[in-house]
C-alpha atoms as a PDB file:
ATOM      1  CA  UNK A   1      80.445 117.202 115.109  1.00  0.00           C
ATOM      2  CA  UNK A   2      78.768 117.901 111.793  1.00  0.00           C
ATOM      3  CA  UNK A   3      80.701 118.129 108.552  1.00  0.00           C
ATOM      4  CA  UNK A   4      79.069 121.498 107.913  1.00  0.00           C
ATOM      5  CA  UNK A   5      81.085 122.967 110.808  1.00  0.00           C
ATOM      6  CA  UNK A   6      84.358 122.216 108.968  1.00  0.00           C
ATOM      7  CA  UNK A   7      83.500 124.073 105.783  1.00  0.00           C
ATOM      8  CA  UNK A   8      85.157 127.431 105.110  1.00  0.00           C
ATOM      9  CA  UNK A   9      87.053 129.157 102.319  1.00  0.00           C
ATOM     10  CA  UNK A  10      89.795 126.532 102.780  1.00  0.00           C
ATOM     11  CA  UNK A  11      87.533 123.449 102.909  1.00  0.00           C
ATOM     12  CA  UNK A  12      85.265 122.607  99.966  1.00  0.00           C
ATOM     13  CA  UNK A  13      82.615 119.898 100.216  1.00  0.00           C
ATOM     14  CA  UNK A  14      82.521 117.876  96.975  1.00  0.00           C
ATOM     15  CA  UNK A  15      79.634 115.578  97.898  1.00  0.00           C
ATOM     16  CA  UNK A  16      76.016 116.006  99.005  1.00  0.00           C
ATOM     17  CA  UNK A  17      76.643 114.919 102.582  1.00  0.00           C
ATOM     18  CA  UNK A  18      76.484 118.178 104.536  1.00  0.00           C
ATOM     19  CA  UNK A  19      74.806 116.843 107.696  1.00  0.00           C
ATOM     20  CA  UNK A  20      76.990 113.812 108.321  1.00  0.00           C
ATOM     21  CA  UNK A  21      78.385 113.640 111.830  1.00  0.00           C
ATOM     22  CA  UNK A  22      81.883 112.470 112.692  1.00  0.00           C
ATOM     23  CA  UNK A  23      83.731 111.635 115.898  1.00  0.00           C
ATOM     24  CA  UNK A  24      87.458 112.264 116.012  1.00  0.00           C
ATOM     25  CA  UNK A  25      90.051 112.322 113.311  1.00  0.00           C
ATOM     26  CA  UNK A  26      92.838 110.188 111.898  1.00  0.00           C
ATOM     27  CA  UNK A  27      95.515 111.458 109.508  1.00  0.00           C
ATOM     28  CA  UNK A  28      97.720 109.221 107.381  1.00  0.00           C
ATOM     29  CA  UNK A  29      98.992 108.681 103.874  1.00  0.00           C
ATOM     30  CA  UNK A  30      99.245 104.940 104.441  1.00  0.00           C
ATOM     31  CA  UNK A  31      95.831 103.384 104.065  1.00  0.00           C
ATOM     32  CA  UNK A  32      97.063 100.253 105.825  1.00  0.00           C
ATOM     33  CA  UNK A  33      97.742 102.402 108.901  1.00  0.00           C
ATOM     34  CA  UNK A  34      94.163 103.687 108.780  1.00  0.00           C
ATOM     35  CA  UNK A  35      92.862 100.118 108.652  1.00  0.00           C
ATOM     36  CA  UNK A  36      94.776  99.365 111.822  1.00  0.00           C
ATOM     37  CA  UNK A  37      94.282 102.575 113.786  1.00  0.00           C
ATOM     38  CA  UNK A  38      91.334 104.687 112.618  1.00  0.00           C
ATOM     39  CA  UNK A  39      88.078 104.335 114.506  1.00  0.00           C
ATOM     40  CA  UNK A  40      84.582 104.030 113.061  1.00  0.00           C
ATOM     41  CA  UNK A  41      82.928 107.435 112.551  1.00  0.00           C
ATOM     42  CA  UNK A  42      86.324 109.165 112.249  1.00  0.00           C
ATOM     43  CA  UNK A  43      87.254 111.802 109.735  1.00  0.00           C
ATOM     44  CA  UNK A  44      90.272 110.765 107.621  1.00  0.00           C
ATOM     45  CA  UNK A  45      92.807 113.370 106.447  1.00  0.00           C
ATOM     46  CA  UNK A  46      95.035 112.176 103.591  1.00  0.00           C
ATOM     47  CA  UNK A  47      96.594 113.123 100.262  1.00  0.00           C
ATOM     48  CA  UNK A  48      95.459 109.853  98.686  1.00  0.00           C
ATOM     49  CA  UNK A  49      92.720 110.821  96.232  1.00  0.00           C
ATOM     50  CA  UNK A  50      91.958 107.414  94.800  1.00  0.00           C
ATOM     51  CA  UNK A  51      88.877 105.216  94.837  1.00  0.00           C
ATOM     52  CA  UNK A  52      90.674 102.868  97.245  1.00  0.00           C
ATOM     53  CA  UNK A  53      90.340 105.622  99.856  1.00  0.00           C
ATOM     54  CA  UNK A  54      86.548 105.388  99.543  1.00  0.00           C
ATOM     55  CA  UNK A  55      86.750 101.594  99.773  1.00  0.00           C
ATOM     56  CA  UNK A  56      88.756 101.988 102.972  1.00  0.00           C
ATOM     57  CA  UNK A  57      86.178 104.396 104.388  1.00  0.00           C
ATOM     58  CA  UNK A  58      83.427 101.882 103.674  1.00  0.00           C
ATOM     59  CA  UNK A  59      85.414  99.040 105.235  1.00  0.00           C
ATOM     60  CA  UNK A  60      86.093 100.796 108.544  1.00  0.00           C
ATOM     61  CA  UNK A  61      82.981 103.020 108.597  1.00  0.00           C
ATOM     62  CA  UNK A  62      84.652 106.404 108.232  1.00  0.00           C
ATOM     63  CA  UNK A  63      82.169 109.239 107.850  1.00  0.00           C
ATOM     64  CA  UNK A  64      84.292 111.753 105.971  1.00  0.00           C
ATOM     65  CA  UNK A  65      87.546 112.209 104.086  1.00  0.00           C
ATOM     66  CA  UNK A  66      89.538 115.404 103.696  1.00  0.00           C
ATOM     67  CA  UNK A  67      91.894 115.316 100.726  1.00  0.00           C
ATOM     68  CA  UNK A  68      94.747 117.718 101.382  1.00  0.00           C
ATOM     69  CA  UNK A  69      97.105 119.624  99.059  1.00  0.00           C
ATOM     70  CA  UNK A  70      94.351 120.096  96.450  1.00  0.00           C
ATOM     71  CA  UNK A  71      95.064 116.652  95.035  1.00  0.00           C
ATOM     72  CA  UNK A  72      92.881 115.995  91.989  1.00  0.00           C
ATOM     73  CA  UNK A  73      89.729 114.060  92.769  1.00  0.00           C
ATOM     74  CA  UNK A  74      87.928 112.110  90.065  1.00  0.00           C
ATOM     75  CA  UNK A  75      84.202 112.306  89.398  1.00  0.00           C
ATOM     76  CA  UNK A  76      84.140 108.556  90.019  1.00  0.00           C
ATOM     77  CA  UNK A  77      85.506 109.059  93.531  1.00  0.00           C
ATOM     78  CA  UNK A  78      82.970 111.819  94.247  1.00  0.00           C
ATOM     79  CA  UNK A  79      80.096 109.665  92.964  1.00  0.00           C
ATOM     80  CA  UNK A  80      81.184 106.649  95.029  1.00  0.00           C
ATOM     81  CA  UNK A  81      81.421 108.838  98.150  1.00  0.00           C
ATOM     82  CA  UNK A  82      77.905 110.172  97.479  1.00  0.00           C
ATOM     83  CA  UNK A  83      76.584 106.647  96.938  1.00  0.00           C
ATOM     84  CA  UNK A  84      78.064 105.518 100.256  1.00  0.00           C
ATOM     85  CA  UNK A  85      77.083 108.668 102.235  1.00  0.00           C
ATOM     86  CA  UNK A  86      80.674 109.649 102.881  1.00  0.00           C
ATOM     87  CA  UNK A  87      81.497 113.353 102.947  1.00  0.00           C
ATOM     88  CA  UNK A  88      84.426 114.232 100.691  1.00  0.00           C
ATOM     89  CA  UNK A  89      86.204 117.527 101.307  1.00  0.00           C
ATOM     90  CA  UNK A  90      89.103 119.068  99.406  1.00  0.00           C
ATOM     91  CA  UNK A  91      91.574 121.630 100.742  1.00  0.00           C
ATOM     92  CA  UNK A  92      94.776 123.302  99.561  1.00  0.00           C
ATOM     93  CA  UNK A  93      96.258 122.883 103.060  1.00  0.00           C
ATOM     94  CA  UNK A  94      98.907 120.333 103.894  1.00  0.00           C
ATOM     95  CA  UNK A  95      97.788 117.504 106.165  1.00  0.00           C
ATOM     96  CA  UNK A  96      99.447 118.917 109.279  1.00  0.00           C
ATOM     97  CA  UNK A  97      97.855 122.314 108.585  1.00  0.00           C
ATOM     98  CA  UNK A  98      94.429 120.670 108.399  1.00  0.00           C
ATOM     99  CA  UNK A  99      94.936 119.034 111.792  1.00  0.00           C
ATOM    100  CA  UNK A 100      96.128 122.295 113.368  1.00  0.00           C
ATOM    101  CA  UNK A 101      93.209 124.207 111.838  1.00  0.00           C
ATOM    102  CA  UNK A 102      90.572 121.713 113.008  1.00  0.00           C
ATOM    103  CA  UNK A 103      92.124 121.546 116.485  1.00  0.00           C
ATOM    104  CA  UNK A 104      92.271 125.336 116.846  1.00  0.00           C
ATOM    105  CA  UNK A 105      88.601 125.603 115.852  1.00  0.00           C
ATOM    106  CA  UNK A 106      87.654 122.934 118.400  1.00  0.00           C
ATOM    107  CA  UNK A 107      86.509 120.468 115.733  1.00  0.00           C
ATOM    108  CA  UNK A 108      88.771 117.590 116.804  1.00  0.00           C
END
């Protein structure tokens, strides 16, 4: 699936990576759990809006990150995601609402 298919009034792309493709999804607020269980090319859904989330994405080859609950995202984090070709999306939804929404739209 392409990142562009996720975007709507509730999902805002913060990076320049509109055409990135992802396969599957993993949701967690424990980055150590993502290291253990997320698969390469996954989309990560989390509330952790810190540069370590980008480092994690690089380490396990995640293609995109959705930051839930409108957590503040620094310009540094956005720039690092752009530099590494990782799509960074922000939403006001809670993590479980993101998963339900993506599932109902057939995106995961």
